[in-house]
Every structure is written in C-alpha cells, then in structure tokens.
Amino acid sequence: MLVKAAPGLRLPKEGKPRQYITETDTVVVPETAYYLRALASGDLLPATAAKAKAPAATTAQAKE
C-alpha cells in the first residue's frame, strides 16, 4: 500500500528504526499490523488522499 507520514511527523519503518517515512515521500509498505495501526491512529496517510490534495492546490494557484 502507498502511504505518506502525516504533516509534521516522521514514522520509523518497521524493522528499520533509523529509516523514516516522511510527509514528502510516498512509500510502498506491506499491510502489516504496524502500518495498519499507524494508519488508524493518523500517523500515516494513504498516498491517494495525499495526492488528491496536491493537484487541488496547484489548480487553485493556477486560477489566481
């Protein structure tokens, strides 16, 4: 599944505590309990939701 970290957060990758998922990078992760809990708590966001916000901002800027 494609995910991003929530704005202002960094989430350690499962099994790699010194590597982080950030709000700027979309990452493919397995559907494990660790990542599903992070999604449920709001620490991770589905990448499709994050991508949907970016074009809307670009469209609004283009109209100005």
PDB file of N, CA and C in Angstrom:
ATOM      1  N   MET A   1       0.833  -1.167   0.000  1.00  0.00           N
ATOM      2  CA  MET A   1       0.000   0.000   0.000  1.00  0.00           C
ATOM      3  C   MET A   1       0.884   1.239   0.000  1.00  0.00           C
ATOM      4  N   LEU A   2       0.407   2.298  -0.619  1.00  0.00           N
ATOM      5  CA  LEU A   2       1.146   3.553  -0.705  1.00  0.00           C
ATOM      6  C   LEU A   2       0.755   4.456   0.456  1.00  0.00           C
ATOM      7  N   VAL A   3       1.752   4.969   1.171  1.00  0.00           N
ATOM      8  CA  VAL A   3       1.486   5.822   2.323  1.00  0.00           C
ATOM      9  C   VAL A   3       2.476   6.982   2.378  1.00  0.00           C
ATOM     10  N   LYS A   4       2.094   7.973   3.147  1.00  0.00           N
ATOM     11  CA  LYS A   4       2.951   9.103   3.497  1.00  0.00           C
ATOM     12  C   LYS A   4       2.742   9.372   4.974  1.00  0.00           C
ATOM     13  N   ALA A   5       3.699  10.004   5.611  1.00  0.00           N
ATOM     14  CA  ALA A   5       3.527  10.392   7.002  1.00  0.00           C
ATOM     15  C   ALA A   5       2.595  11.595   7.071  1.00  0.00           C
ATOM     16  N   ALA A   6       1.910  11.732   8.171  1.00  0.00           N
ATOM     17  CA  ALA A   6       1.054  12.893   8.390  1.00  0.00           C
ATOM     18  C   ALA A   6       1.936  14.139   8.450  1.00  0.00           C
ATOM     19  N   PRO A   7       1.392  15.301   8.107  1.00  0.00           N
ATOM     20  CA  PRO A   7       2.189  16.528   8.136  1.00  0.00           C
ATOM     21  C   PRO A   7       2.851  16.755   9.492  1.00  0.00           C
ATOM     22  N   GLY A   8       4.147  17.024   9.455  1.00  0.00           N
ATOM     23  CA  GLY A   8       4.903  17.302  10.669  1.00  0.00           C
ATOM     24  C   GLY A   8       5.418  16.064  11.401  1.00  0.00           C
ATOM     25  N   LEU A   9       5.165  14.870  10.863  1.00  0.00           N
ATOM     26  CA  LEU A   9       5.592  13.644  11.532  1.00  0.00           C
ATOM     27  C   LEU A   9       6.586  12.859  10.688  1.00  0.00           C
ATOM     28  N   ARG A  10       7.386  12.050  11.371  1.00  0.00           N
ATOM     29  CA  ARG A  10       8.254  11.048  10.745  1.00  0.00           C
ATOM     30  C   ARG A  10       7.954   9.742  11.456  1.00  0.00           C
ATOM     31  N   LEU A  11       7.717   8.689  10.711  1.00  0.00           N
ATOM     32  CA  LEU A  11       7.411   7.390  11.298  1.00  0.00           C
ATOM     33  C   LEU A  11       8.531   6.420  10.962  1.00  0.00           C
ATOM     34  N   PRO A  12       9.119   5.780  11.978  1.00  0.00           N
ATOM     35  CA  PRO A  12      10.165   4.789  11.689  1.00  0.00           C
ATOM     36  C   PRO A  12       9.589   3.629  10.887  1.00  0.00           C
ATOM     37  N   LYS A  13      10.383   3.128   9.953  1.00  0.00           N
ATOM     38  CA  LYS A  13       9.961   1.962   9.174  1.00  0.00           C
ATOM     39  C   LYS A  13      10.004   0.733  10.067  1.00  0.00           C
ATOM     40  N   GLU A  14       9.122  -0.196   9.795  1.00  0.00           N
ATOM     41  CA  GLU A  14       9.068  -1.428  10.571  1.00  0.00           C
ATOM     42  C   GLU A  14      10.365  -2.217  10.380  1.00  0.00           C
ATOM     43  N   GLY A  15      11.027  -2.530  11.482  1.00  0.00           N
ATOM     44  CA  GLY A  15      12.270  -3.289  11.422  1.00  0.00           C
ATOM     45  C   GLY A  15      13.491  -2.468  11.070  1.00  0.00           C
ATOM     46  N   LYS A  16      13.318  -1.175  10.783  1.00  0.00           N
ATOM     47  CA  LYS A  16      14.438  -0.287  10.440  1.00  0.00           C
ATOM     48  C   LYS A  16      14.253   1.025  11.207  1.00  0.00           C
ATOM     49  N   PRO A  17      14.560   1.032  12.501  1.00  0.00           N
ATOM     50  CA  PRO A  17      14.242   2.192  13.338  1.00  0.00           C
ATOM     51  C   PRO A  17      14.994   3.474  13.005  1.00  0.00           C
ATOM     52  N   ARG A  18      16.016   3.391  12.179  1.00  0.00           N
ATOM     53  CA  ARG A  18      16.761   4.603  11.809  1.00  0.00           C
ATOM     54  C   ARG A  18      16.385   5.129  10.421  1.00  0.00           C
ATOM     55  N   GLN A  19      15.418   4.476   9.776  1.00  0.00           N
ATOM     56  CA  GLN A  19      14.904   4.939   8.482  1.00  0.00           C
ATOM     57  C   GLN A  19      13.461   5.369   8.696  1.00  0.00           C
ATOM     58  N   TYR A  20      13.107   6.514   8.114  1.00  0.00           N
ATOM     59  CA  TYR A  20      11.802   7.090   8.396  1.00  0.00           C
ATOM     60  C   TYR A  20      10.949   7.266   7.139  1.00  0.00           C
ATOM     61  N   ILE A  21       9.642   7.197   7.346  1.00  0.00           N
ATOM     62  CA  ILE A  21       8.672   7.588   6.330  1.00  0.00           C
ATOM     63  C   ILE A  21       8.343   9.040   6.642  1.00  0.00           C
ATOM     64  N   THR A  22       8.478   9.907   5.657  1.00  0.00           N
ATOM     65  CA  THR A  22       8.239  11.336   5.875  1.00  0.00           C
ATOM     66  C   THR A  22       7.007  11.798   5.114  1.00  0.00           C
ATOM     67  N   GLU A  23       6.639  13.040   5.350  1.00  0.00           N
ATOM     68  CA  GLU A  23       5.471  13.600   4.669  1.00  0.00           C
ATOM     69  C   GLU A  23       5.767  13.953   3.211  1.00  0.00           C
ATOM     70  N   THR A  24       7.031  14.004   2.821  1.00  0.00           N
ATOM     71  CA  THR A  24       7.375  14.397   1.455  1.00  0.00           C
ATOM     72  C   THR A  24       7.522  13.222   0.493  1.00  0.00           C
ATOM     73  N   ASP A  25       7.718  12.012   1.028  1.00  0.00           N
ATOM     74  CA  ASP A  25       7.947  10.840   0.176  1.00  0.00           C
ATOM     75  C   ASP A  25       6.796   9.854   0.273  1.00  0.00           C
ATOM     76  N   THR A  26       6.367   9.342  -0.870  1.00  0.00           N
ATOM     77  CA  THR A  26       5.387   8.269  -0.920  1.00  0.00           C
ATOM     78  C   THR A  26       6.150   6.951  -0.876  1.00  0.00           C
ATOM     79  N   VAL A  27       5.739   6.051   0.010  1.00  0.00           N
ATOM     80  CA  VAL A  27       6.449   4.796   0.227  1.00  0.00           C
ATOM     81  C   VAL A  27       5.480   3.630   0.092  1.00  0.00           C
ATOM     82  N   VAL A  28       5.958   2.554  -0.503  1.00  0.00           N
ATOM     83  CA  VAL A  28       5.169   1.320  -0.575  1.00  0.00           C
ATOM     84  C   VAL A  28       5.540   0.476   0.640  1.00  0.00           C
ATOM     85  N   VAL A  29       4.536   0.121   1.439  1.00  0.00           N
ATOM     86  CA  VAL A  29       4.756  -0.698   2.628  1.00  0.00           C
ATOM     87  C   VAL A  29       3.798  -1.885   2.618  1.00  0.00           C
ATOM     88  N   PRO A  30       4.165  -2.982   3.292  1.00  0.00           N
ATOM     89  CA  PRO A  30       3.247  -4.125   3.377  1.00  0.00           C
ATOM     90  C   PRO A  30       2.110  -3.831   4.351  1.00  0.00           C
ATOM     91  N   GLU A  31       1.021  -4.532   4.208  1.00  0.00           N
ATOM     92  CA  GLU A  31      -0.132  -4.342   5.095  1.00  0.00           C
ATOM     93  C   GLU A  31       0.055  -5.158   6.366  1.00  0.00           C
ATOM     94  N   THR A  32       0.995  -4.726   7.201  1.00  0.00           N
ATOM     95  CA  THR A  32       1.243  -5.395   8.478  1.00  0.00           C
ATOM     96  C   THR A  32       0.505  -4.659   9.583  1.00  0.00           C
ATOM     97  N   ALA A  33       0.440  -5.281  10.746  1.00  0.00           N
ATOM     98  CA  ALA A  33      -0.236  -4.665  11.892  1.00  0.00           C
ATOM     99  C   ALA A  33       0.406  -3.324  12.250  1.00  0.00           C
ATOM    100  N   TYR A  34       1.728  -3.227  12.134  1.00  0.00           N
ATOM    101  CA  TYR A  34       2.443  -1.992  12.461  1.00  0.00           C
ATOM    102  C   TYR A  34       1.945  -0.820  11.608  1.00  0.00           C
ATOM    103  N   TYR A  35       1.887  -1.011  10.316  1.00  0.00           N
ATOM    104  CA  TYR A  35       1.467   0.072   9.420  1.00  0.00           C
ATOM    105  C   TYR A  35      -0.040   0.309   9.481  1.00  0.00           C
ATOM    106  N   LEU A  36      -0.825  -0.735   9.672  1.00  0.00           N
ATOM    107  CA  LEU A  36      -2.273  -0.553   9.797  1.00  0.00           C
ATOM    108  C   LEU A  36      -2.620   0.235  11.065  1.00  0.00           C
ATOM    109  N   ARG A  37      -1.885  -0.014  12.154  1.00  0.00           N
ATOM    110  CA  ARG A  37      -2.095   0.775  13.382  1.00  0.00           C
ATOM    111  C   ARG A  37      -1.723   2.233  13.157  1.00  0.00           C
ATOM    112  N   ALA A  38      -0.632   2.466  12.445  1.00  0.00           N
ATOM    113  CA  ALA A  38      -0.212   3.842  12.161  1.00  0.00           C
ATOM    114  C   ALA A  38      -1.244   4.556  11.293  1.00  0.00           C
ATOM    115  N   LEU A  39      -1.851   3.846  10.352  1.00  0.00           N
ATOM    116  CA  LEU A  39      -2.929   4.422   9.540  1.00  0.00           C
ATOM    117  C   LEU A  39      -4.143   4.749  10.407  1.00  0.00           C
ATOM    118  N   ALA A  40      -4.506   3.814  11.279  1.00  0.00           N
ATOM    119  CA  ALA A  40      -5.680   4.008  12.138  1.00  0.00           C
ATOM    120  C   ALA A  40      -5.484   5.170  13.113  1.00  0.00           C
ATOM    121  N   SER A  41      -4.262   5.374  13.581  1.00  0.00           N
ATOM    122  CA  SER A  41      -4.007   6.453  14.541  1.00  0.00           C
ATOM    123  C   SER A  41      -3.797   7.805  13.862  1.00  0.00           C
ATOM    124  N   GLY A  42      -3.617   7.801  12.535  1.00  0.00           N
ATOM    125  CA  GLY A  42      -3.431   9.059  11.816  1.00  0.00           C
ATOM    126  C   GLY A  42      -1.984   9.449  11.606  1.00  0.00           C
ATOM    127  N   ASP A  43      -1.043   8.607  12.064  1.00  0.00           N
ATOM    128  CA  ASP A  43       0.374   8.905  11.846  1.00  0.00           C
ATOM    129  C   ASP A  43       0.770   8.727  10.383  1.00  0.00           C
ATOM    130  N   LEU A  44       0.094   7.809   9.696  1.00  0.00           N
ATOM    131  CA  LEU A  44       0.293   7.603   8.260  1.00  0.00           C
ATOM    132  C   LEU A  44      -0.989   7.950   7.532  1.00  0.00           C
ATOM    133  N   LEU A  45      -0.844   8.423   6.306  1.00  0.00           N
ATOM    134  CA  LEU A  45      -1.986   8.739   5.460  1.00  0.00           C
ATOM    135  C   LEU A  45      -1.886   7.937   4.170  1.00  0.00           C
ATOM    136  N   PRO A  46      -3.016   7.468   3.638  1.00  0.00           N
ATOM    137  CA  PRO A  46      -2.963   6.801   2.335  1.00  0.00           C
ATOM    138  C   PRO A  46      -2.434   7.785   1.296  1.00  0.00           C
ATOM    139  N   ALA A  47      -1.574   7.346   0.421  1.00  0.00           N
ATOM    140  CA  ALA A  47      -0.963   8.236  -0.562  1.00  0.00           C
ATOM    141  C   ALA A  47      -1.999   8.782  -1.543  1.00  0.00           C
ATOM    142  N   THR A  48      -3.074   8.048  -1.803  1.00  0.00           N
ATOM    143  CA  THR A  48      -4.086   8.552  -2.723  1.00  0.00           C
ATOM    144  C   THR A  48      -4.730   9.814  -2.169  1.00  0.00           C
ATOM    145  N   ALA A  49      -4.936   9.883  -0.854  1.00  0.00           N
ATOM    146  CA  ALA A  49      -5.504  11.084  -0.232  1.00  0.00           C
ATOM    147  C   ALA A  49      -4.503  12.228  -0.297  1.00  0.00           C
ATOM    148  N   ALA A  50      -3.231  11.925  -0.087  1.00  0.00           N
ATOM    149  CA  ALA A  50      -2.203  12.965  -0.138  1.00  0.00           C
ATOM    150  C   ALA A  50      -2.044  13.491  -1.562  1.00  0.00           C
ATOM    151  N   LYS A  51      -2.126  12.606  -2.568  1.00  0.00           N
ATOM    152  CA  LYS A  51      -2.006  13.047  -3.958  1.00  0.00           C
ATOM    153  C   LYS A  51      -3.207  13.879  -4.372  1.00  0.00           C
ATOM    154  N   ALA A  52      -4.370  13.592  -3.848  1.00  0.00           N
ATOM    155  CA  ALA A  52      -5.573  14.330  -4.217  1.00  0.00           C
ATOM    156  C   ALA A  52      -5.490  15.780  -3.754  1.00  0.00           C
ATOM    157  N   LYS A  53      -4.796  16.026  -2.654  1.00  0.00           N
ATOM    158  CA  LYS A  53      -4.670  17.390  -2.145  1.00  0.00           C
ATOM    159  C   LYS A  53      -3.725  18.230  -2.999  1.00  0.00           C
ATOM    160  N   ALA A  54      -2.642  17.637  -3.500  1.00  0.00           N
ATOM    161  CA  ALA A  54      -1.649  18.390  -4.255  1.00  0.00           C
ATOM    162  C   ALA A  54      -2.202  18.991  -5.546  1.00  0.00           C
ATOM    163  N   PRO A  55      -2.920  18.252  -6.404  1.00  0.00           N
ATOM    164  CA  PRO A  55      -3.443  18.870  -7.612  1.00  0.00           C
ATOM    165  C   PRO A  55      -4.466  19.962  -7.328  1.00  0.00           C
ATOM    166  N   ALA A  56      -5.233  19.820  -6.263  1.00  0.00           N
ATOM    167  CA  ALA A  56      -6.227  20.840  -5.920  1.00  0.00           C
ATOM    168  C   ALA A  56      -5.531  22.159  -5.597  1.00  0.00           C
ATOM    169  N   ALA A  57      -4.410  22.097  -4.868  1.00  0.00           N
ATOM    170  CA  ALA A  57      -3.665  23.304  -4.541  1.00  0.00           C
ATOM    171  C   ALA A  57      -3.066  23.927  -5.795  1.00  0.00           C
ATOM    172  N   THR A  58      -2.552  23.103  -6.692  1.00  0.00           N
ATOM    173  CA  THR A  58      -1.964  23.587  -7.925  1.00  0.00           C
ATOM    174  C   THR A  58      -3.032  24.250  -8.800  1.00  0.00           C
ATOM    175  N   THR A  59      -4.204  23.648  -8.865  1.00  0.00           N
ATOM    176  CA  THR A  59      -5.307  24.214  -9.658  1.00  0.00           C
ATOM    177  C   THR A  59      -5.734  25.560  -9.101  1.00  0.00           C
ATOM    178  N   ALA A  60      -5.818  25.667  -7.798  1.00  0.00           N
ATOM    179  CA  ALA A  60      -6.222  26.915  -7.164  1.00  0.00           C
ATOM    180  C   ALA A  60      -5.181  28.004  -7.435  1.00  0.00           C
ATOM    181  N   GLN A  61      -3.908  27.641  -7.413  1.00  0.00           N
ATOM    182  CA  GLN A  61      -2.848  28.608  -7.668  1.00  0.00           C
ATOM    183  C   GLN A  61      -2.877  29.055  -9.128  1.00  0.00           C
ATOM    184  N   ALA A  62      -3.225  28.148 -10.039  1.00  0.00           N
ATOM    185  CA  ALA A  62      -3.250  28.486 -11.457  1.00  0.00           C
ATOM    186  C   ALA A  62      -4.375  29.476 -11.770  1.00  0.00           C
ATOM    187  N   LYS A  63      -5.464  29.438 -11.006  1.00  0.00           N
ATOM    188  CA  LYS A  63      -6.601  30.333 -11.246  1.00  0.00           C
ATOM    189  C   LYS A  63      -6.314  31.756 -10.801  1.00  0.00           C
ATOM    190  N   GLU A  64      -5.353  31.931  -9.877  1.00  0.00           N
ATOM    191  CA  GLU A  64      -5.059  33.268  -9.343  1.00  0.00           C
ATOM    192  C   GLU A  64      -4.336  34.134 -10.304  1.00  0.00           C
TER     193      GLU A  64
END
